[in-house]
Amino acid sequence: MEYVIDAVSTVSVWMRPYLSEIGLSMAATLLVIFGDDIVTFLKKQIGSLKFFLKLTLFILFCAFGFAFLTSFVTPLLVKQLASVPNLWLAPMIIVMFYGIGLLAQKKNML
């Protein structure tokens, strides 16, 4: 059992320098999964506006809104992951990616 704990802790130590990349990949994948829902909500909100204003708002949201969401969510994920002890970090990251995969499967993306 001690060997398994040491192996998991070692893998977690290897992952720790890459937490910002791991958090970014999780945030980006979640935006891919839920991006269509966000855009549909946005279309409903701005649907009654004039074409030029609607187009401008849509472009601004897609260009800057998704970038803002990514830059906002990523540090939150990284901060939470950084607070996890080494014994649980690697298993938690694996479970989170599987959870994201299950969300993608539920939305028929796989």
C-alpha atoms as a PDB file:
ATOM      1  CA  MET A   1       0.000   0.000   0.000  1.00  0.00           C
ATOM      2  CA  GLU A   2       2.901   2.328   0.757  1.00  0.00           C
ATOM      3  CA  TYR A   3       4.148   1.840  -2.819  1.00  0.00           C
ATOM      4  CA  VAL A   4       0.810   2.977  -4.261  1.00  0.00           C
ATOM      5  CA  ILE A   5       0.721   6.065  -2.040  1.00  0.00           C
ATOM      6  CA  ASP A   6       4.295   6.949  -3.057  1.00  0.00           C
ATOM      7  CA  ALA A   7       3.491   6.447  -6.751  1.00  0.00           C
ATOM      8  CA  VAL A   8       0.370   8.634  -6.583  1.00  0.00           C
ATOM      9  CA  SER A   9       2.247  11.322  -4.658  1.00  0.00           C
ATOM     10  CA  THR A  10       5.084  11.249  -7.189  1.00  0.00           C
ATOM     11  CA  VAL A  11       2.689  11.647 -10.121  1.00  0.00           C
ATOM     12  CA  SER A  12       1.023  14.524  -8.279  1.00  0.00           C
ATOM     13  CA  VAL A  13       4.384  16.223  -7.754  1.00  0.00           C
ATOM     14  CA  TRP A  14       5.065  15.863 -11.492  1.00  0.00           C
ATOM     15  CA  MET A  15       1.659  17.437 -12.279  1.00  0.00           C
ATOM     16  CA  ARG A  16       1.979  20.387  -9.916  1.00  0.00           C
ATOM     17  CA  PRO A  17       4.159  22.597 -12.198  1.00  0.00           C
ATOM     18  CA  TYR A  18       1.548  22.190 -14.935  1.00  0.00           C
ATOM     19  CA  LEU A  19      -1.556  23.111 -12.930  1.00  0.00           C
ATOM     20  CA  SER A  20      -2.120  26.295 -14.944  1.00  0.00           C
ATOM     21  CA  GLU A  21      -2.146  24.298 -18.193  1.00  0.00           C
ATOM     22  CA  ILE A  22      -4.378  21.651 -16.655  1.00  0.00           C
ATOM     23  CA  GLY A  23      -6.792  24.312 -15.376  1.00  0.00           C
ATOM     24  CA  LEU A  24      -6.794  26.054 -18.757  1.00  0.00           C
ATOM     25  CA  SER A  25      -7.572  22.811 -20.566  1.00  0.00           C
ATOM     26  CA  MET A  26     -10.447  22.109 -18.172  1.00  0.00           C
ATOM     27  CA  ALA A  27     -11.867  25.628 -18.542  1.00  0.00           C
ATOM     28  CA  ALA A  28     -11.554  25.563 -22.328  1.00  0.00           C
ATOM     29  CA  THR A  29     -13.161  22.133 -22.552  1.00  0.00           C
ATOM     30  CA  LEU A  30     -16.054  23.250 -20.355  1.00  0.00           C
ATOM     31  CA  LEU A  31     -16.545  26.285 -22.603  1.00  0.00           C
ATOM     32  CA  VAL A  32     -16.627  24.018 -25.643  1.00  0.00           C
ATOM     33  CA  ILE A  33     -19.221  21.816 -23.966  1.00  0.00           C
ATOM     34  CA  PHE A  34     -21.424  24.668 -22.709  1.00  0.00           C
ATOM     35  CA  GLY A  35     -20.571  27.292 -25.341  1.00  0.00           C
ATOM     36  CA  ASP A  36     -23.604  26.460 -27.450  1.00  0.00           C
ATOM     37  CA  ASP A  37     -25.897  26.920 -24.445  1.00  0.00           C
ATOM     38  CA  ILE A  38     -24.260  30.275 -23.659  1.00  0.00           C
ATOM     39  CA  VAL A  39     -24.602  31.456 -27.268  1.00  0.00           C
ATOM     40  CA  THR A  40     -28.242  30.321 -27.397  1.00  0.00           C
ATOM     41  CA  PHE A  41     -28.954  32.283 -24.208  1.00  0.00           C
ATOM     42  CA  LEU A  42     -27.211  35.323 -25.679  1.00  0.00           C
ATOM     43  CA  LYS A  43     -29.208  35.061 -28.900  1.00  0.00           C
ATOM     44  CA  LYS A  44     -32.447  35.030 -26.901  1.00  0.00           C
ATOM     45  CA  GLN A  45     -31.377  38.092 -24.939  1.00  0.00           C
ATOM     46  CA  ILE A  46     -30.386  40.189 -27.962  1.00  0.00           C
ATOM     47  CA  GLY A  47     -32.844  38.735 -30.479  1.00  0.00           C
ATOM     48  CA  SER A  48     -35.115  41.759 -30.641  1.00  0.00           C
ATOM     49  CA  LEU A  49     -32.373  44.308 -31.338  1.00  0.00           C
ATOM     50  CA  LYS A  50     -31.491  45.805 -34.715  1.00  0.00           C
ATOM     51  CA  PHE A  51     -29.254  43.658 -36.917  1.00  0.00           C
ATOM     52  CA  PHE A  52     -26.092  45.784 -36.660  1.00  0.00           C
ATOM     53  CA  LEU A  53     -26.329  46.104 -32.876  1.00  0.00           C
ATOM     54  CA  LYS A  54     -27.127  42.417 -32.525  1.00  0.00           C
ATOM     55  CA  LEU A  55     -24.154  41.465 -34.704  1.00  0.00           C
ATOM     56  CA  THR A  56     -21.833  43.806 -32.821  1.00  0.00           C
ATOM     57  CA  LEU A  57     -22.875  42.475 -29.416  1.00  0.00           C
ATOM     58  CA  PHE A  58     -22.548  38.894 -30.612  1.00  0.00           C
ATOM     59  CA  ILE A  59     -19.041  39.510 -31.962  1.00  0.00           C
ATOM     60  CA  LEU A  60     -17.987  41.309 -28.787  1.00  0.00           C
ATOM     61  CA  PHE A  61     -19.307  38.543 -26.582  1.00  0.00           C
ATOM     62  CA  CYS A  62     -17.733  35.782 -28.631  1.00  0.00           C
ATOM     63  CA  ALA A  63     -14.400  37.596 -28.896  1.00  0.00           C
ATOM     64  CA  PHE A  64     -14.137  39.048 -25.428  1.00  0.00           C
ATOM     65  CA  GLY A  65     -16.768  37.252 -23.375  1.00  0.00           C
ATOM     66  CA  PHE A  66     -15.365  33.768 -23.870  1.00  0.00           C
ATOM     67  CA  ALA A  67     -11.826  35.097 -23.326  1.00  0.00           C
ATOM     68  CA  PHE A  68     -12.968  36.742 -20.095  1.00  0.00           C
ATOM     69  CA  LEU A  69     -14.697  33.563 -18.936  1.00  0.00           C
ATOM     70  CA  THR A  70     -11.569  31.552 -19.696  1.00  0.00           C
ATOM     71  CA  SER A  71      -9.290  34.003 -17.896  1.00  0.00           C
ATOM     72  CA  PHE A  72     -11.690  34.149 -14.936  1.00  0.00           C
ATOM     73  CA  VAL A  73     -12.366  30.418 -14.509  1.00  0.00           C
ATOM     74  CA  THR A  74      -8.808  29.177 -15.062  1.00  0.00           C
ATOM     75  CA  PRO A  75      -7.235  30.864 -12.000  1.00  0.00           C
ATOM     76  CA  LEU A  76     -10.123  29.645  -9.839  1.00  0.00           C
ATOM     77  CA  LEU A  77      -9.533  26.067 -10.961  1.00  0.00           C
ATOM     78  CA  VAL A  78      -5.766  26.389 -10.509  1.00  0.00           C
ATOM     79  CA  LYS A  79      -6.194  27.839  -7.019  1.00  0.00           C
ATOM     80  CA  GLN A  80      -8.483  24.989  -6.002  1.00  0.00           C
ATOM     81  CA  LEU A  81      -6.196  22.365  -7.507  1.00  0.00           C
ATOM     82  CA  ALA A  82      -3.131  23.899  -5.836  1.00  0.00           C
ATOM     83  CA  SER A  83      -4.762  23.530  -2.424  1.00  0.00           C
ATOM     84  CA  VAL A  84      -5.242  19.762  -2.853  1.00  0.00           C
ATOM     85  CA  PRO A  85      -2.632  17.578  -1.089  1.00  0.00           C
ATOM     86  CA  ASN A  86      -0.306  15.497  -3.259  1.00  0.00           C
ATOM     87  CA  LEU A  87      -1.995  12.259  -2.251  1.00  0.00           C
ATOM     88  CA  TRP A  88      -5.269  13.422  -3.838  1.00  0.00           C
ATOM     89  CA  LEU A  89      -4.142  15.726  -6.649  1.00  0.00           C
ATOM     90  CA  ALA A  90      -3.548  13.178  -9.433  1.00  0.00           C
ATOM     91  CA  PRO A  91      -6.699  11.155  -8.681  1.00  0.00           C
ATOM     92  CA  MET A  92      -8.759  14.361  -8.474  1.00  0.00           C
ATOM     93  CA  ILE A  93      -7.497  15.624 -11.833  1.00  0.00           C
ATOM     94  CA  ILE A  94      -8.249  12.262 -13.446  1.00  0.00           C
ATOM     95  CA  VAL A  95     -11.754  12.206 -11.936  1.00  0.00           C
ATOM     96  CA  MET A  96     -12.379  15.792 -13.053  1.00  0.00           C
ATOM     97  CA  PHE A  97     -11.377  14.998 -16.640  1.00  0.00           C
ATOM     98  CA  TYR A  98     -13.612  11.932 -16.601  1.00  0.00           C
ATOM     99  CA  GLY A  99     -16.429  14.103 -15.229  1.00  0.00           C
ATOM    100  CA  ILE A 100     -15.894  16.579 -18.065  1.00  0.00           C
ATOM    101  CA  GLY A 101     -15.958  13.653 -20.474  1.00  0.00           C
ATOM    102  CA  LEU A 102     -19.239  12.468 -18.993  1.00  0.00           C
ATOM    103  CA  LEU A 103     -20.685  15.954 -19.451  1.00  0.00           C
ATOM    104  CA  ALA A 104     -19.588  15.877 -23.088  1.00  0.00           C
ATOM    105  CA  GLN A 105     -21.173  12.442 -23.497  1.00  0.00           C
ATOM    106  CA  LYS A 106     -24.404  13.674 -21.931  1.00  0.00           C
ATOM    107  CA  LYS A 107     -24.509  16.533 -24.439  1.00  0.00           C
ATOM    108  CA  ASN A 108     -23.870  14.046 -27.304  1.00  0.00           C
ATOM    109  CA  MET A 109     -20.452  15.465 -28.117  1.00  0.00           C
ATOM    110  CA  LEU A 110     -18.675  12.099 -28.005  1.00  0.00           C
END
